[in-house]
Protein backbone atom coordinates (compact mmCIF):
# COMPACT_ATOMS: atom_id res chain seq x y z
CA MET A 1 -9.38 -6.54 -18.16
CA GLY A 2 -7.98 -4.23 -20.76
CA ALA A 3 -4.32 -3.26 -21.02
CA TYR A 4 -5.12 0.35 -19.92
CA LEU A 5 -7.51 -0.52 -17.01
CA ARG A 6 -5.73 -1.03 -13.71
CA LEU A 7 -7.52 -1.80 -10.46
CA THR A 8 -6.20 1.21 -8.56
CA PRO A 9 -7.63 2.46 -5.20
CA ALA A 10 -9.60 5.13 -7.14
CA THR A 11 -10.94 2.48 -9.55
CA LYS A 12 -12.05 0.34 -6.57
CA ASP A 13 -13.79 3.33 -4.93
CA VAL A 14 -15.73 4.19 -8.10
CA LEU A 15 -16.65 0.57 -8.84
CA GLN A 16 -17.83 0.01 -5.25
CA GLN A 17 -20.11 3.03 -5.55
CA LEU A 18 -21.49 2.01 -8.88
CA TYR A 19 -22.02 -1.57 -7.65
CA GLY A 20 -24.04 -0.34 -4.66
CA LEU A 21 -26.37 1.81 -6.82
CA ARG A 22 -29.33 0.33 -8.60
CA GLU A 23 -30.15 3.46 -10.56
CA GLU A 24 -28.15 5.53 -12.99
CA THR A 25 -26.04 8.28 -11.50
CA TRP A 26 -24.20 11.24 -13.01
CA GLY A 27 -20.45 11.68 -12.85
CA LEU A 28 -20.25 14.51 -10.30
CA GLN A 29 -22.50 12.66 -7.87
CA LEU A 30 -20.39 9.51 -8.34
CA ALA A 31 -17.17 11.55 -7.72
CA ARG A 32 -18.69 12.85 -4.46
CA LEU A 33 -19.84 9.42 -3.33
CA ALA A 34 -16.41 7.88 -4.11
CA GLY A 35 -14.54 10.83 -2.52
CA ARG A 36 -12.47 11.26 -5.67
CA PRO A 37 -11.88 14.30 -7.90
CA THR A 38 -13.81 14.55 -11.14
CA GLY A 39 -10.49 14.68 -13.00
CA THR A 40 -9.96 11.10 -11.84
CA VAL A 41 -13.58 9.80 -12.15
CA TYR A 42 -14.48 11.00 -15.67
CA PRO A 43 -11.47 9.47 -17.42
CA LEU A 44 -12.01 6.26 -15.43
CA LEU A 45 -15.73 6.12 -16.44
CA ASP A 46 -14.61 6.58 -20.11
CA ARG A 47 -12.22 3.63 -19.80
CA LEU A 48 -14.80 1.42 -18.03
CA GLU A 49 -17.32 2.27 -20.78
CA ARG A 50 -14.89 1.29 -23.52
CA GLU A 51 -14.38 -2.03 -21.78
CA GLY A 52 -18.12 -2.64 -21.69
CA PHE A 53 -18.36 -2.51 -17.88
CA VAL A 54 -20.29 0.73 -17.76
CA ALA A 55 -23.06 2.14 -19.97
CA SER A 56 -23.94 5.82 -20.24
CA ARG A 57 -26.57 8.01 -21.79
CA TRP A 58 -27.53 11.65 -21.81
CA GLU A 59 -30.27 12.65 -19.38
CA ALA A 60 -33.55 13.54 -21.08
CA ASP A 61 -34.68 17.11 -20.70
CA SER A 62 -35.81 17.03 -17.08
CA GLY A 63 -36.91 20.64 -16.85
CA ARG A 64 -34.42 21.30 -14.11
CA ALA A 65 -32.04 24.22 -14.40
CA GLY A 66 -28.54 23.56 -15.69
CA PRO A 67 -26.98 21.45 -18.45
CA ARG A 68 -28.01 17.82 -19.13
CA ARG A 69 -26.16 15.19 -17.22
CA ARG A 70 -24.46 12.09 -18.53
CA LEU A 71 -25.84 9.12 -16.58
CA TYR A 72 -23.77 6.01 -15.81
CA VAL A 73 -24.68 2.50 -14.68
CA LEU A 74 -22.86 -0.83 -14.47
CA THR A 75 -23.64 -3.24 -17.25
CA PRO A 76 -24.37 -6.95 -16.36
CA LYS A 77 -20.88 -7.70 -17.58
CA GLY A 78 -19.53 -4.93 -15.33
CA ARG A 79 -21.50 -6.19 -12.26
CA GLU A 80 -20.02 -9.69 -12.79
CA TRP A 81 -16.49 -8.25 -13.28
CA VAL A 82 -16.80 -6.12 -10.09
CA GLN A 83 -17.97 -9.12 -8.11
CA GLN A 84 -15.00 -11.13 -9.25
CA LYS A 85 -12.39 -8.37 -8.90
CA LEU A 86 -13.55 -6.95 -5.59
CA LYS A 87 -14.63 -10.31 -4.16
CA LEU A 88 -18.24 -9.14 -3.66
CA ASN A 89 -21.41 -11.19 -3.41
CA ALA A 90 -24.66 -10.19 -5.12
CA GLU A 91 -26.04 -9.55 -1.61
CA ASP A 92 -23.31 -6.85 -1.03
CA ALA A 93 -25.26 -4.43 -3.24
CA SER A 94 -27.31 -1.83 -1.39
C-alpha cells in the first residue's frame, strides 16, 4: 500500500462496492452505491488508480444525453489487494 493510501471507512466502502461489481461503473454511481460524497470518492479513485488497483477509461460515445463518463473497474492486482485487506473471499463478490 502506498504512503498516501490509508484504509479509511470511506476507502473500505468504495472498495467493497467495486469488488462486488463485475462491470465498469462511473464515479457518481459508485459514490451513490458507497453512500459517500463525490468529493471523497473521486480523489480516492485517483489514488487507487495511481497504485494500480483501479483502471479507468472514458466511455465511448453512447448516444445518450450528457457528458461522457469516466468508467472504473478493479484491476486483478486490486481485486487481490481488496481480498487481503478486507478479508474477503472470491465468493463474496456479487
